[in-house]
Structures are given as C-alpha cells and as structure tokens.
Amino acid sequence: MEHPIFFISLLLEKLGLPIVHDFGEAHTILEKVLLPHITYTWLVMIFLVVVIKMLLRRIELVPRGAQNFFEVVIGGMEEFMVDVTGDEGRFVFPLIGTLAFYILLCNYMGLAPGMFSPTANLNTTLACAIVVVFYTHVIGVKFHGAKYIKHFLGPVIFIAPLMFIIEVIGHLARALSLSIRLFGNIFGKEMVLGIFVFLAGWFLAPLPILFLGLFVGGVQTLIFCLLSMMYFAGAIEHAH
C-alpha cells in the first residue's frame, strides 16, 4: 500500500533529506525525527507560537477582534476546568489550555489535503497521556506530600497491599486509555477520509467524512481534557 503524499515530506525530499513514513524503516536519528507525526508536530508548535506572539503584540485594554474572541474562549475553558477541579486546581489551566489547543489543531490538521494529524500516531497521543499521568502525581505530592500514598492504599489497612497493586495498574491504564482512545478515533478518521478521497477524489463523497472529522476532532479534544481534569481533581482531593 502506497503512503499518502504529505507536503512537508515532499519539501524535505526536495532538500535531499531522508524520507521515511514508518518508525521501523528509520535507521538513523535524522530519519526518526523526520517522521510525519514529528514534522507535523513541529508545524503545529510553530503555528501556535507565531499566533500567540502576534496576539500578545496587539493586546489592548478594551479587547476587540481576535483578542476578544480568545479571551471569551480561554475564559470559558478556565471556568469549565474550575468547575471540575475546584478553585484549587486553577493553577493547572496553562497545561490544560495548551493540551486543548495543541490536540484540537492536530486533530483538524489532517482534514486538509497534503496534511497529516500527528494525533493519528500513537507516539503523539501516548506522549500527551504520559505528561498528564505524571503531572497528576506531581499535583498529588504538591497538595498532600508523603500522605499522597494513601490514595493508593484504600480505606482498609489489611487490604492495602492488594489495593496498591490495583491502583498502580489503574494509573498505568489511564495512560493507555487516554492515548489509545484519541489515537484510534483520529486514525480511523484519517483512514476513512483517505479511502473516500482515493475512490472519489476531493469532490462531494468525502464531505460527510470532513464534517464528521470536525465533530470527532472536537469531541476527542474535550474528552481528553475532561478526563485529565478529573485525574487532577482526584489528586487534589483528600484520600478517603
């Protein structure tokens, strides 16, 4: 099966750089960092940084235009997160906000011809999930110190060893759940869209999948961030 055509891959090929589409095909460090999910991740990062820099230069006391739009969006996101985590969790919003914009843009990127969704690769989604799970425990230690271990021991002391094993497995499963859910939905969207484009070209046939892709991309971003908020809230509250 032929690999899809990505414009960044074509550009790198013109520059004489090694082009691979599969981690198993990559034999050098350079080839590994030029994989599509990594190069398009760079594109997303550059886009977000440039947009933020442009917005910061035009901040006004009385917001208007793009500043007004983003203040409403970001303010709404922050209040939604506080409703889940409580006011004590407000400090986590920069991470949640960054994940939300990054994942949403990654999800939607693959809808454009010649583009690729980095979240359609398990490496990308797993990296995001590991950050969330790791930071959950950072929050737990921040709020409870050594007493955070009580979250893993259960309410009854004589079953604490068993509960500890179950809790550790459960926390590892969080990373798998977050990463595989996001990856599976976006990868499925990419595959279905690719099949429709192959069969009918960029005409009316792929349009329902494009609209479905917009819906799925938004919903999966919401689910990832909502579950992350719930994990953070669980780390903040006291063990019972």
C-alpha atoms as a PDB file:
ATOM      1  CA  MET A   1       0.000   0.000   0.000  1.00  0.00           C
ATOM      2  CA  GLU A   2       1.383   3.407  -1.001  1.00  0.00           C
ATOM      3  CA  HIS A   3       1.928   6.035   1.624  1.00  0.00           C
ATOM      4  CA  PRO A   4      -0.149   9.229   1.343  1.00  0.00           C
ATOM      5  CA  ILE A   5       1.533  12.326  -0.036  1.00  0.00           C
ATOM      6  CA  PHE A   6       2.405  14.911   2.618  1.00  0.00           C
ATOM      7  CA  PHE A   7       3.647  18.301   1.502  1.00  0.00           C
ATOM      8  CA  ILE A   8       6.313  18.538   4.241  1.00  0.00           C
ATOM      9  CA  SER A   9       7.683  15.149   3.164  1.00  0.00           C
ATOM     10  CA  LEU A  10       7.839  16.389  -0.439  1.00  0.00           C
ATOM     11  CA  LEU A  11       9.630  19.553   0.691  1.00  0.00           C
ATOM     12  CA  LEU A  12      12.169  17.586   2.708  1.00  0.00           C
ATOM     13  CA  GLU A  13      12.681  15.238  -0.214  1.00  0.00           C
ATOM     14  CA  LYS A  14      13.461  18.206  -2.458  1.00  0.00           C
ATOM     15  CA  LEU A  15      16.043  19.300   0.099  1.00  0.00           C
ATOM     16  CA  GLY A  16      17.692  15.890  -0.155  1.00  0.00           C
ATOM     17  CA  LEU A  17      16.777  14.745   3.361  1.00  0.00           C
ATOM     18  CA  PRO A  18      15.868  11.100   4.071  1.00  0.00           C
ATOM     19  CA  ILE A  19      12.130  10.471   3.841  1.00  0.00           C
ATOM     20  CA  VAL A  20      10.510   7.640   5.796  1.00  0.00           C
ATOM     21  CA  HIS A  21       6.894   7.046   6.799  1.00  0.00           C
ATOM     22  CA  ASP A  22       7.399   4.288   9.329  1.00  0.00           C
ATOM     23  CA  PHE A  23       9.431   4.073  12.535  1.00  0.00           C
ATOM     24  CA  GLY A  24      10.511   0.570  11.537  1.00  0.00           C
ATOM     25  CA  GLU A  25      12.004   1.965   8.324  1.00  0.00           C
ATOM     26  CA  ALA A  26      14.029   4.630  10.143  1.00  0.00           C
ATOM     27  CA  HIS A  27      17.638   3.611  10.709  1.00  0.00           C
ATOM     28  CA  THR A  28      19.229   6.892  11.805  1.00  0.00           C
ATOM     29  CA  ILE A  29      18.377   9.610  14.306  1.00  0.00           C
ATOM     30  CA  LEU A  30      17.782  12.063  11.448  1.00  0.00           C
ATOM     31  CA  GLU A  31      15.310   9.719   9.777  1.00  0.00           C
ATOM     32  CA  LYS A  32      13.438   9.216  13.053  1.00  0.00           C
ATOM     33  CA  VAL A  33      12.986  12.952  13.683  1.00  0.00           C
ATOM     34  CA  LEU A  34      11.714  13.438  10.107  1.00  0.00           C
ATOM     35  CA  LEU A  35       8.788  11.049  10.510  1.00  0.00           C
ATOM     36  CA  PRO A  36       5.447  12.693   9.543  1.00  0.00           C
ATOM     37  CA  HIS A  37       3.973  12.741  13.048  1.00  0.00           C
ATOM     38  CA  ILE A  38       7.088  14.582  14.284  1.00  0.00           C
ATOM     39  CA  THR A  39       7.434  17.068  11.425  1.00  0.00           C
ATOM     40  CA  TYR A  40       3.747  17.960  11.573  1.00  0.00           C
ATOM     41  CA  THR A  41       4.004  18.315  15.339  1.00  0.00           C
ATOM     42  CA  TRP A  42       6.712  20.905  14.723  1.00  0.00           C
ATOM     43  CA  LEU A  43       4.365  22.655  12.295  1.00  0.00           C
ATOM     44  CA  VAL A  44       1.621  22.783  14.943  1.00  0.00           C
ATOM     45  CA  MET A  45       4.054  24.090  17.558  1.00  0.00           C
ATOM     46  CA  ILE A  46       5.402  26.791  15.232  1.00  0.00           C
ATOM     47  CA  PHE A  47       1.870  27.849  14.292  1.00  0.00           C
ATOM     48  CA  LEU A  48       0.775  28.136  17.928  1.00  0.00           C
ATOM     49  CA  VAL A  49       3.878  30.099  18.926  1.00  0.00           C
ATOM     50  CA  VAL A  50       3.527  32.514  15.989  1.00  0.00           C
ATOM     51  CA  VAL A  51      -0.186  33.090  16.619  1.00  0.00           C
ATOM     52  CA  ILE A  52       0.392  33.688  20.345  1.00  0.00           C
ATOM     53  CA  LYS A  53       3.245  36.117  19.628  1.00  0.00           C
ATOM     54  CA  MET A  54       1.057  38.051  17.180  1.00  0.00           C
ATOM     55  CA  LEU A  55      -1.817  38.219  19.668  1.00  0.00           C
ATOM     56  CA  LEU A  56       0.436  39.339  22.520  1.00  0.00           C
ATOM     57  CA  ARG A  57       1.711  42.251  20.448  1.00  0.00           C
ATOM     58  CA  ARG A  58      -1.837  43.557  19.950  1.00  0.00           C
ATOM     59  CA  ILE A  59      -3.237  43.242  23.466  1.00  0.00           C
ATOM     60  CA  GLU A  60      -5.418  46.237  24.315  1.00  0.00           C
ATOM     61  CA  LEU A  61      -7.185  47.342  27.471  1.00  0.00           C
ATOM     62  CA  VAL A  62     -10.513  47.167  25.643  1.00  0.00           C
ATOM     63  CA  PRO A  63     -10.446  43.840  23.781  1.00  0.00           C
ATOM     64  CA  ARG A  64     -11.678  43.614  20.225  1.00  0.00           C
ATOM     65  CA  GLY A  65     -11.429  41.281  17.269  1.00  0.00           C
ATOM     66  CA  ALA A  66      -9.255  38.224  17.810  1.00  0.00           C
ATOM     67  CA  GLN A  67      -8.306  39.311  21.338  1.00  0.00           C
ATOM     68  CA  ASN A  68     -11.983  39.464  22.324  1.00  0.00           C
ATOM     69  CA  PHE A  69     -12.649  36.031  20.784  1.00  0.00           C
ATOM     70  CA  PHE A  70      -9.723  34.331  22.517  1.00  0.00           C
ATOM     71  CA  GLU A  71     -10.472  35.970  25.858  1.00  0.00           C
ATOM     72  CA  VAL A  72     -14.009  34.577  25.725  1.00  0.00           C
ATOM     73  CA  VAL A  73     -12.794  31.117  24.659  1.00  0.00           C
ATOM     74  CA  ILE A  74      -9.942  30.898  27.176  1.00  0.00           C
ATOM     75  CA  GLY A  75     -12.035  32.375  29.966  1.00  0.00           C
ATOM     76  CA  GLY A  76     -14.801  29.858  29.297  1.00  0.00           C
ATOM     77  CA  MET A  77     -12.304  26.991  29.273  1.00  0.00           C
ATOM     78  CA  GLU A  78     -10.803  28.111  32.558  1.00  0.00           C
ATOM     79  CA  GLU A  79     -14.166  28.388  34.302  1.00  0.00           C
ATOM     80  CA  PHE A  80     -15.192  24.988  32.977  1.00  0.00           C
ATOM     81  CA  MET A  81     -11.984  23.493  34.371  1.00  0.00           C
ATOM     82  CA  VAL A  82     -12.503  25.172  37.746  1.00  0.00           C
ATOM     83  CA  ASP A  83     -15.995  23.661  37.892  1.00  0.00           C
ATOM     84  CA  VAL A  84     -14.352  20.229  37.606  1.00  0.00           C
ATOM     85  CA  THR A  85     -11.219  20.642  39.722  1.00  0.00           C
ATOM     86  CA  GLY A  86     -12.339  23.347  42.125  1.00  0.00           C
ATOM     87  CA  ASP A  87     -10.623  26.698  42.579  1.00  0.00           C
ATOM     88  CA  GLU A  88      -7.536  24.959  43.968  1.00  0.00           C
ATOM     89  CA  GLY A  89      -6.909  23.475  40.529  1.00  0.00           C
ATOM     90  CA  ARG A  90      -6.877  26.794  38.685  1.00  0.00           C
ATOM     91  CA  PHE A  91      -3.077  26.734  38.521  1.00  0.00           C
ATOM     92  CA  VAL A  92      -3.269  23.697  36.204  1.00  0.00           C
ATOM     93  CA  PHE A  93      -5.089  25.628  33.478  1.00  0.00           C
ATOM     94  CA  PRO A  94      -1.955  26.521  31.438  1.00  0.00           C
ATOM     95  CA  LEU A  95      -1.322  22.802  30.899  1.00  0.00           C
ATOM     96  CA  ILE A  96      -4.966  22.015  30.106  1.00  0.00           C
ATOM     97  CA  GLY A  97      -5.245  25.010  27.775  1.00  0.00           C
ATOM     98  CA  THR A  98      -2.052  24.073  25.939  1.00  0.00           C
ATOM     99  CA  LEU A  99      -3.187  20.470  25.529  1.00  0.00           C
ATOM    100  CA  ALA A 100      -6.598  21.597  24.293  1.00  0.00           C
ATOM    101  CA  PHE A 101      -5.279  23.903  21.561  1.00  0.00           C
ATOM    102  CA  TYR A 102      -2.495  21.510  20.569  1.00  0.00           C
ATOM    103  CA  ILE A 103      -4.714  18.409  20.327  1.00  0.00           C
ATOM    104  CA  LEU A 104      -7.530  20.268  18.555  1.00  0.00           C
ATOM    105  CA  LEU A 105      -5.179  21.679  15.936  1.00  0.00           C
ATOM    106  CA  CYS A 106      -3.502  18.282  15.476  1.00  0.00           C
ATOM    107  CA  ASN A 107      -6.895  16.614  15.041  1.00  0.00           C
ATOM    108  CA  TYR A 108      -8.057  19.115  12.428  1.00  0.00           C
ATOM    109  CA  MET A 109      -4.786  19.325  10.511  1.00  0.00           C
ATOM    110  CA  GLY A 110      -5.377  16.009   8.747  1.00  0.00           C
ATOM    111  CA  LEU A 111      -8.599  17.310   7.175  1.00  0.00           C
ATOM    112  CA  ALA A 112      -6.610  19.489   4.767  1.00  0.00           C
ATOM    113  CA  PRO A 113      -5.112  17.943   1.588  1.00  0.00           C
ATOM    114  CA  GLY A 114      -1.434  17.081   1.947  1.00  0.00           C
ATOM    115  CA  MET A 115      -1.558  17.387   5.732  1.00  0.00           C
ATOM    116  CA  PHE A 116      -1.332  14.806   8.499  1.00  0.00           C
ATOM    117  CA  SER A 117      -2.812  14.662  12.010  1.00  0.00           C
ATOM    118  CA  PRO A 118       0.018  13.997  14.499  1.00  0.00           C
ATOM    119  CA  THR A 119      -2.610  12.558  16.852  1.00  0.00           C
ATOM    120  CA  ALA A 120      -3.240   9.796  14.300  1.00  0.00           C
ATOM    121  CA  ASN A 121       0.042   8.336  15.560  1.00  0.00           C
ATOM    122  CA  LEU A 122       0.138   6.523  18.913  1.00  0.00           C
ATOM    123  CA  ASN A 123       3.521   8.042  19.807  1.00  0.00           C
ATOM    124  CA  THR A 124       2.000  11.535  19.892  1.00  0.00           C
ATOM    125  CA  THR A 125      -1.068  10.650  21.940  1.00  0.00           C
ATOM    126  CA  LEU A 126       0.951   8.492  24.339  1.00  0.00           C
ATOM    127  CA  ALA A 127       3.373  11.362  24.949  1.00  0.00           C
ATOM    128  CA  CYS A 128       0.467  13.652  25.875  1.00  0.00           C
ATOM    129  CA  ALA A 129      -1.067  10.972  28.106  1.00  0.00           C
ATOM    130  CA  ILE A 130       2.215  10.335  29.942  1.00  0.00           C
ATOM    131  CA  VAL A 131       2.538  14.066  30.670  1.00  0.00           C
ATOM    132  CA  VAL A 132      -0.979  14.095  32.146  1.00  0.00           C
ATOM    133  CA  VAL A 133      -0.475  10.970  34.283  1.00  0.00           C
ATOM    134  CA  PHE A 134       2.939  12.129  35.524  1.00  0.00           C
ATOM    135  CA  TYR A 135       1.656  15.603  36.385  1.00  0.00           C
ATOM    136  CA  THR A 136      -1.280  14.047  38.236  1.00  0.00           C
ATOM    137  CA  HIS A 137       1.188  12.589  40.744  1.00  0.00           C
ATOM    138  CA  VAL A 138       3.139  15.851  40.891  1.00  0.00           C
ATOM    139  CA  ILE A 139      -0.095  17.562  41.930  1.00  0.00           C
ATOM    140  CA  GLY A 140      -0.815  14.832  44.481  1.00  0.00           C
ATOM    141  CA  VAL A 141       2.581  15.252  46.125  1.00  0.00           C
ATOM    142  CA  LYS A 142       2.268  19.051  45.959  1.00  0.00           C
ATOM    143  CA  PHE A 143      -1.015  19.035  47.902  1.00  0.00           C
ATOM    144  CA  HIS A 144      -0.515  16.085  50.248  1.00  0.00           C
ATOM    145  CA  GLY A 145       3.209  15.412  50.490  1.00  0.00           C
ATOM    146  CA  ALA A 146       4.045  11.902  51.680  1.00  0.00           C
ATOM    147  CA  LYS A 147       0.382  11.357  52.631  1.00  0.00           C
ATOM    148  CA  TYR A 148      -0.416  11.126  48.921  1.00  0.00           C
ATOM    149  CA  ILE A 149       0.429   7.415  49.215  1.00  0.00           C
ATOM    150  CA  LYS A 150      -2.953   6.997  50.951  1.00  0.00           C
ATOM    151  CA  HIS A 151      -4.600   7.422  47.542  1.00  0.00           C
ATOM    152  CA  PHE A 152      -3.111   4.042  46.613  1.00  0.00           C
ATOM    153  CA  LEU A 153      -3.823   2.089  49.828  1.00  0.00           C
ATOM    154  CA  GLY A 154      -7.607   2.046  50.036  1.00  0.00           C
ATOM    155  CA  PRO A 155      -9.819   2.568  53.119  1.00  0.00           C
ATOM    156  CA  VAL A 156      -8.938  -0.675  54.940  1.00  0.00           C
ATOM    157  CA  ILE A 157      -5.355  -1.264  56.062  1.00  0.00           C
ATOM    158  CA  PHE A 158      -5.281  -5.071  55.787  1.00  0.00           C
ATOM    159  CA  ILE A 159      -6.054  -4.980  52.045  1.00  0.00           C
ATOM    160  CA  ALA A 160      -3.625  -2.083  51.397  1.00  0.00           C
ATOM    161  CA  PRO A 161      -1.026  -4.226  49.532  1.00  0.00           C
ATOM    162  CA  LEU A 162      -3.683  -5.517  47.132  1.00  0.00           C
ATOM    163  CA  MET A 163      -5.192  -2.055  46.688  1.00  0.00           C
ATOM    164  CA  PHE A 164      -1.747  -0.610  45.977  1.00  0.00           C
ATOM    165  CA  ILE A 165      -1.209  -3.071  43.103  1.00  0.00           C
ATOM    166  CA  ILE A 166      -4.692  -2.397  41.722  1.00  0.00           C
ATOM    167  CA  GLU A 167      -4.222   1.379  41.938  1.00  0.00           C
ATOM    168  CA  VAL A 168      -0.833   1.248  40.198  1.00  0.00           C
ATOM    169  CA  ILE A 169      -2.329  -0.812  37.380  1.00  0.00           C
ATOM    170  CA  GLY A 170      -5.245   1.615  37.206  1.00  0.00           C
ATOM    171  CA  HIS A 171      -2.952   4.626  36.886  1.00  0.00           C
ATOM    172  CA  LEU A 172      -0.931   2.911  34.147  1.00  0.00           C
ATOM    173  CA  ALA A 173      -4.199   2.115  32.400  1.00  0.00           C
ATOM    174  CA  ARG A 174      -5.038   5.826  32.406  1.00  0.00           C
ATOM    175  CA  ALA A 175      -2.157   6.496  30.030  1.00  0.00           C
ATOM    176  CA  LEU A 176      -3.289   3.702  27.737  1.00  0.00           C
ATOM    177  CA  SER A 177      -6.907   4.809  27.882  1.00  0.00           C
ATOM    178  CA  LEU A 178      -6.138   8.451  27.089  1.00  0.00           C
ATOM    179  CA  SER A 179      -3.697   7.661  24.296  1.00  0.00           C
ATOM    180  CA  ILE A 180      -5.487   4.779  22.551  1.00  0.00           C
ATOM    181  CA  ARG A 181      -8.906   6.478  22.586  1.00  0.00           C
ATOM    182  CA  LEU A 182      -7.574   9.631  20.939  1.00  0.00           C
ATOM    183  CA  PHE A 183      -5.297   7.770  18.543  1.00  0.00           C
ATOM    184  CA  GLY A 184      -7.984   5.273  17.497  1.00  0.00           C
ATOM    185  CA  ASN A 185     -10.597   7.875  16.659  1.00  0.00           C
ATOM    186  CA  ILE A 186      -8.282  10.206  14.741  1.00  0.00           C
ATOM    187  CA  PHE A 187      -6.517   7.358  12.932  1.00  0.00           C
ATOM    188  CA  GLY A 188      -9.898   5.925  11.949  1.00  0.00           C
ATOM    189  CA  LYS A 189     -10.966   9.306  10.607  1.00  0.00           C
ATOM    190  CA  GLU A 190      -7.753   9.577   8.589  1.00  0.00           C
ATOM    191  CA  MET A 191      -8.201   6.093   7.125  1.00  0.00           C
ATOM    192  CA  VAL A 192     -11.845   6.590   6.158  1.00  0.00           C
ATOM    193  CA  LEU A 193     -11.139  10.009   4.658  1.00  0.00           C
ATOM    194  CA  GLY A 194      -8.196   8.577   2.707  1.00  0.00           C
ATOM    195  CA  ILE A 195     -10.357   5.776   1.303  1.00  0.00           C
ATOM    196  CA  PHE A 196     -13.085   8.188   0.190  1.00  0.00           C
ATOM    197  CA  VAL A 197     -10.554  10.519  -1.424  1.00  0.00           C
ATOM    198  CA  PHE A 198      -8.911   7.565  -3.205  1.00  0.00           C
ATOM    199  CA  LEU A 199     -12.264   6.373  -4.556  1.00  0.00           C
ATOM    200  CA  ALA A 200     -13.886   9.688  -5.435  1.00  0.00           C
ATOM    201  CA  GLY A 201     -11.238  12.408  -5.230  1.00  0.00           C
ATOM    202  CA  TRP A 202     -11.827  15.715  -3.466  1.00  0.00           C
ATOM    203  CA  PHE A 203     -15.450  16.028  -4.566  1.00  0.00           C
ATOM    204  CA  LEU A 204     -18.742  15.525  -2.741  1.00  0.00           C
ATOM    205  CA  ALA A 205     -18.034  11.991  -1.472  1.00  0.00           C
ATOM    206  CA  PRO A 206     -15.550  12.982   1.284  1.00  0.00           C
ATOM    207  CA  LEU A 207     -17.693  15.907   2.534  1.00  0.00           C
ATOM    208  CA  PRO A 208     -19.680  13.888   5.118  1.00  0.00           C
ATOM    209  CA  ILE A 209     -16.406  12.489   6.484  1.00  0.00           C
ATOM    210  CA  LEU A 210     -14.942  16.002   6.653  1.00  0.00           C
ATOM    211  CA  PHE A 211     -17.881  17.210   8.729  1.00  0.00           C
ATOM    212  CA  LEU A 212     -17.680  14.063  10.847  1.00  0.00           C
ATOM    213  CA  GLY A 213     -13.951  14.712  11.260  1.00  0.00           C
ATOM    214  CA  LEU A 214     -14.677  18.209  12.594  1.00  0.00           C
ATOM    215  CA  PHE A 215     -17.106  16.747  15.116  1.00  0.00           C
ATOM    216  CA  VAL A 216     -14.832  13.864  16.157  1.00  0.00           C
ATOM    217  CA  GLY A 217     -11.787  16.130  16.469  1.00  0.00           C
ATOM    218  CA  GLY A 218     -13.612  18.499  18.803  1.00  0.00           C
ATOM    219  CA  VAL A 219     -15.230  15.771  20.894  1.00  0.00           C
ATOM    220  CA  GLN A 220     -11.981  13.843  21.342  1.00  0.00           C
ATOM    221  CA  THR A 221     -10.197  17.017  22.447  1.00  0.00           C
ATOM    222  CA  LEU A 222     -12.934  17.641  25.008  1.00  0.00           C
ATOM    223  CA  ILE A 223     -12.815  14.042  26.286  1.00  0.00           C
ATOM    224  CA  PHE A 224      -9.017  14.057  26.644  1.00  0.00           C
ATOM    225  CA  CYS A 225      -9.009  17.349  28.542  1.00  0.00           C
ATOM    226  CA  LEU A 226     -12.051  16.470  30.683  1.00  0.00           C
ATOM    227  CA  LEU A 227     -10.522  13.177  31.797  1.00  0.00           C
ATOM    228  CA  SER A 228      -7.252  14.993  32.538  1.00  0.00           C
ATOM    229  CA  MET A 229      -9.146  17.487  34.711  1.00  0.00           C
ATOM    230  CA  MET A 230     -10.837  14.643  36.580  1.00  0.00           C
ATOM    231  CA  TYR A 231      -7.480  12.967  37.245  1.00  0.00           C
ATOM    232  CA  PHE A 232      -6.090  16.271  38.553  1.00  0.00           C
ATOM    233  CA  ALA A 233      -9.169  16.787  40.730  1.00  0.00           C
ATOM    234  CA  GLY A 234      -8.744  13.282  42.165  1.00  0.00           C
ATOM    235  CA  ALA A 235      -5.120  14.038  43.055  1.00  0.00           C
ATOM    236  CA  ILE A 236      -6.104  17.305  44.761  1.00  0.00           C
ATOM    237  CA  GLU A 237      -8.847  15.895  46.983  1.00  0.00           C
ATOM    238  CA  HIS A 238      -8.060  14.044  50.209  1.00  0.00           C
ATOM    239  CA  ALA A 239      -7.957  10.255  50.230  1.00  0.00           C
ATOM    240  CA  HIS A 240     -10.930   8.557  51.867  1.00  0.00           C
END
